[in-house]
Protein backbone atom coordinates (compact mmCIF):
# COMPACT_ATOMS: atom_id res chain seq x y z
CA MET A 1 -10.06 8.70 27.37
CA ALA A 2 -10.60 6.95 24.48
CA LEU A 3 -8.27 7.41 21.10
CA GLU A 4 -10.52 9.84 18.87
CA THR A 5 -10.21 10.08 15.39
CA ALA A 6 -10.38 13.77 15.09
CA HIS A 7 -7.66 13.92 17.87
CA ILE A 8 -5.38 11.96 15.54
CA GLN A 9 -6.27 14.18 12.65
CA GLU A 10 -5.76 17.65 14.79
CA LYS A 11 -1.92 15.97 15.78
CA LEU A 12 -1.29 15.02 12.46
CA SER A 13 -2.68 18.12 10.53
CA GLN A 14 -0.38 20.62 13.08
CA ALA A 15 2.58 18.26 12.51
CA PHE A 16 2.50 17.94 8.85
CA GLY A 17 -0.21 20.73 7.71
CA ASN A 18 -1.03 19.67 3.85
CA ASN A 19 1.13 16.89 3.94
CA VAL A 20 -1.73 14.89 5.15
CA LEU A 21 -5.18 14.80 3.79
CA ASN A 22 -8.65 12.89 2.89
CA PHE A 23 -9.30 12.25 6.38
CA GLU A 24 -12.07 9.67 6.27
CA MET A 25 -13.53 6.65 8.13
CA LYS A 26 -13.79 4.11 5.67
CA ARG A 27 -15.33 0.61 6.49
CA ASP A 28 -14.78 1.29 10.50
CA ILE A 29 -10.75 2.49 9.84
CA PHE A 30 -9.58 5.82 9.92
CA THR A 31 -7.91 6.35 6.73
CA LEU A 32 -5.50 9.47 5.69
CA GLU A 33 -3.38 9.98 2.66
CA ALA A 34 0.16 11.32 3.00
CA THR A 35 2.65 12.94 0.23
CA PRO A 36 4.81 10.22 -0.24
CA SER A 37 7.61 12.74 0.75
CA THR A 38 6.44 12.54 4.43
CA ILE A 39 5.19 9.27 4.38
CA HIS A 40 8.40 7.90 6.35
CA GLU A 41 8.23 10.89 8.98
CA VAL A 42 3.85 10.12 9.35
CA ILE A 43 4.41 6.58 10.30
CA ARG A 44 7.41 7.65 12.66
CA PHE A 45 5.14 10.15 14.32
CA LEU A 46 2.23 7.56 14.42
CA LYS A 47 4.65 5.03 16.24
CA GLU A 48 6.25 7.11 18.60
CA GLN A 49 3.65 10.07 19.72
CA GLU A 50 2.98 8.53 23.40
CA ASP A 51 -0.68 9.12 22.93
CA LEU A 52 -1.10 7.84 19.46
CA ASN A 53 0.78 4.71 20.40
CA PHE A 54 0.22 3.19 16.56
CA HIS A 55 3.05 0.29 17.67
CA PHE A 56 2.03 -2.49 15.43
CA LEU A 57 2.29 -2.72 11.37
CA THR A 58 -0.27 -5.10 10.61
CA ASP A 59 0.04 -4.31 6.81
CA LEU A 60 1.50 -3.01 4.19
CA ALA A 61 0.91 -3.49 0.30
CA GLY A 62 1.29 -1.70 -2.79
CA ILE A 63 -1.73 -1.15 -5.40
CA HIS A 64 -1.95 -0.66 -9.35
CA PHE A 65 -4.37 2.41 -10.47
CA PRO A 66 -3.28 2.26 -14.23
CA ASP A 67 -6.34 4.61 -15.04
CA ASN A 68 -5.76 7.02 -12.49
CA ASP A 69 -3.88 10.08 -13.68
CA GLU A 70 0.18 10.00 -13.71
CA THR A 71 0.67 11.11 -10.38
CA HIS A 72 -1.16 8.61 -9.01
CA GLN A 73 -0.26 5.49 -10.89
CA PHE A 74 0.58 3.42 -7.66
CA ALA A 75 -0.57 3.33 -3.92
CA VAL A 76 1.28 1.81 -1.00
CA THR A 77 -1.18 1.50 2.28
CA TYR A 78 0.41 1.20 5.62
CA GLN A 79 -2.38 -0.53 8.11
CA LEU A 80 -1.32 0.47 12.03
CA HIS A 81 -2.89 -0.70 14.94
CA ASN A 82 -2.61 0.67 18.58
CA TRP A 83 -3.18 -2.45 20.82
CA ILE A 84 -3.48 -0.41 24.19
CA GLU A 85 -6.84 1.43 22.52
CA ASN A 86 -7.53 -1.03 20.15
CA VAL A 87 -7.79 1.48 17.13
CA ARG A 88 -6.66 0.42 14.15
CA ILE A 89 -5.79 3.54 10.83
CA ARG A 90 -4.73 3.13 7.17
CA VAL A 91 -2.46 5.85 5.63
CA LYS A 92 -2.20 5.81 2.21
CA THR A 93 0.32 7.31 -0.30
CA TYR A 94 0.43 7.54 -4.12
CA LEU A 95 3.15 7.14 -6.23
CA PRO A 96 3.54 8.15 -10.15
CA ASP A 97 5.26 5.64 -12.06
CA PRO A 98 8.30 4.71 -11.69
CA ALA A 99 6.85 4.15 -7.80
CA GLU A 100 9.44 5.17 -5.24
CA VAL A 101 9.09 5.84 -1.86
CA ASP A 102 11.06 5.85 1.38
CA THR A 103 11.47 2.31 3.51
CA ILE A 104 10.01 1.73 6.62
CA THR A 105 12.29 -0.72 7.80
CA ASP A 106 13.71 1.28 10.12
CA LEU A 107 10.56 1.83 11.97
CA PHE A 108 9.10 -1.56 11.67
CA LEU A 109 11.60 -4.58 11.19
CA CYS A 110 8.56 -6.57 9.92
CA ALA A 111 8.30 -3.97 6.66
CA ASN A 112 11.53 -5.80 5.39
CA TRP A 113 9.24 -8.69 3.87
CA MET A 114 5.78 -6.91 3.24
CA GLU A 115 8.16 -3.88 0.87
CA ARG A 116 9.94 -7.07 -0.86
CA GLU A 117 6.52 -8.20 -1.19
CA ALA A 118 5.56 -5.02 -2.85
CA TRP A 119 8.52 -4.56 -4.88
CA ASP A 120 8.46 -8.18 -6.47
CA PHE A 121 4.74 -7.89 -7.48
CA PHE A 122 4.23 -4.38 -8.31
CA GLY A 123 8.00 -2.93 -9.00
CA ILE A 124 7.38 -0.50 -6.30
CA ASN A 125 11.24 0.51 -5.28
CA PHE A 126 11.73 1.49 -0.91
CA LYS A 127 14.52 3.49 -1.22
CA GLY A 128 16.70 2.46 1.65
CA HIS A 129 15.55 -0.88 1.94
CA PRO A 130 18.39 -3.02 3.56
CA GLN A 131 17.58 -6.00 0.92
CA LEU A 132 15.24 -5.49 -2.08
CA LYS A 133 15.25 -8.36 -3.99
CA ARG A 134 12.54 -10.60 -4.99
CA ILE A 135 10.95 -12.55 -2.33
CA LEU A 136 8.13 -14.60 -3.87
CA ASN A 137 8.86 -14.74 -7.84
CA MET A 138 11.77 -16.27 -9.74
CA ASP A 139 14.85 -13.93 -9.63
CA GLU A 140 14.81 -13.96 -13.49
CA MET A 141 11.23 -12.36 -14.01
CA VAL A 142 11.87 -9.33 -15.52
CA SER A 143 8.00 -7.96 -14.59
CA HIS A 144 5.76 -7.58 -11.78
CA PRO A 145 2.75 -9.63 -12.00
CA MET A 146 0.08 -7.46 -10.10
CA ARG A 147 0.75 -5.01 -12.25
CA LYS A 148 -2.16 -3.92 -14.19
CA GLU A 149 -0.24 -4.36 -17.78
CA PHE A 150 -1.27 -7.31 -19.25
CA PRO A 151 -4.86 -8.94 -20.31
CA MET A 152 -6.66 -11.24 -17.80
CA GLU A 153 -6.39 -14.23 -20.09
CA ASP A 154 -4.64 -15.01 -23.35
CA SER A 155 -7.04 -14.87 -25.70
CA GLY A 156 -5.26 -17.73 -27.77
CA ARG A 157 -5.38 -20.29 -25.29
CA THR A 158 -7.21 -23.67 -26.40
CA ASP A 159 -6.99 -25.95 -23.32
CA LYS A 160 -9.66 -24.60 -21.26
CA ASP A 161 -13.56 -24.40 -22.00
CA ASP A 162 -14.82 -21.50 -20.39
CA ARG A 163 -18.14 -23.28 -19.67
CA PHE A 164 -16.22 -25.17 -16.97
CA PHE A 165 -15.06 -21.68 -15.27
CA GLY A 166 -18.73 -20.46 -15.38
CA ARG A 167 -18.02 -18.05 -17.80
CA THR A 168 -20.47 -18.12 -21.15
CA PRO A 169 -18.22 -18.15 -24.60
CA VAL A 170 -18.33 -15.32 -26.61
CA ASN A 171 -20.42 -16.65 -30.23
CA ASN A 172 -18.50 -14.89 -32.66
CA GLY A 173 -20.47 -16.30 -35.58
């Protein structure tokens, strides 16, 4: 019998109640939300339940939503894959600023690099991470460059001409 999304939703709802929500198919991937306090156990459950078998962490990524309310400023998405049934699932958790969530490096060793990247670029703190430090940016950086806190471009730049980048310059005259 193939692994159905209804079965996944039922198992998660029975185990975690209101801590898992917003189940939906999004771009052919079954997607759900879990509260930050239960995300670690939800990921563990998806991995360790014999009839679910989500044994492969495909991706973990941070996202910044500056226009959301203060409890949803950041998100961490976890993409898991069940190779036996060839089923993928995306689990999201939303975080306030300062963003902090439990590490899943004890469940998936590959999360080490992914969590370090999310911390480096977004400043999301993964509690319990064995070595949470910069991985791609310079250690001396004090900001997290993928946060949407800065203008896209420096308005004072004089070293480029917008026409070369497919943009029409604004006429302020």
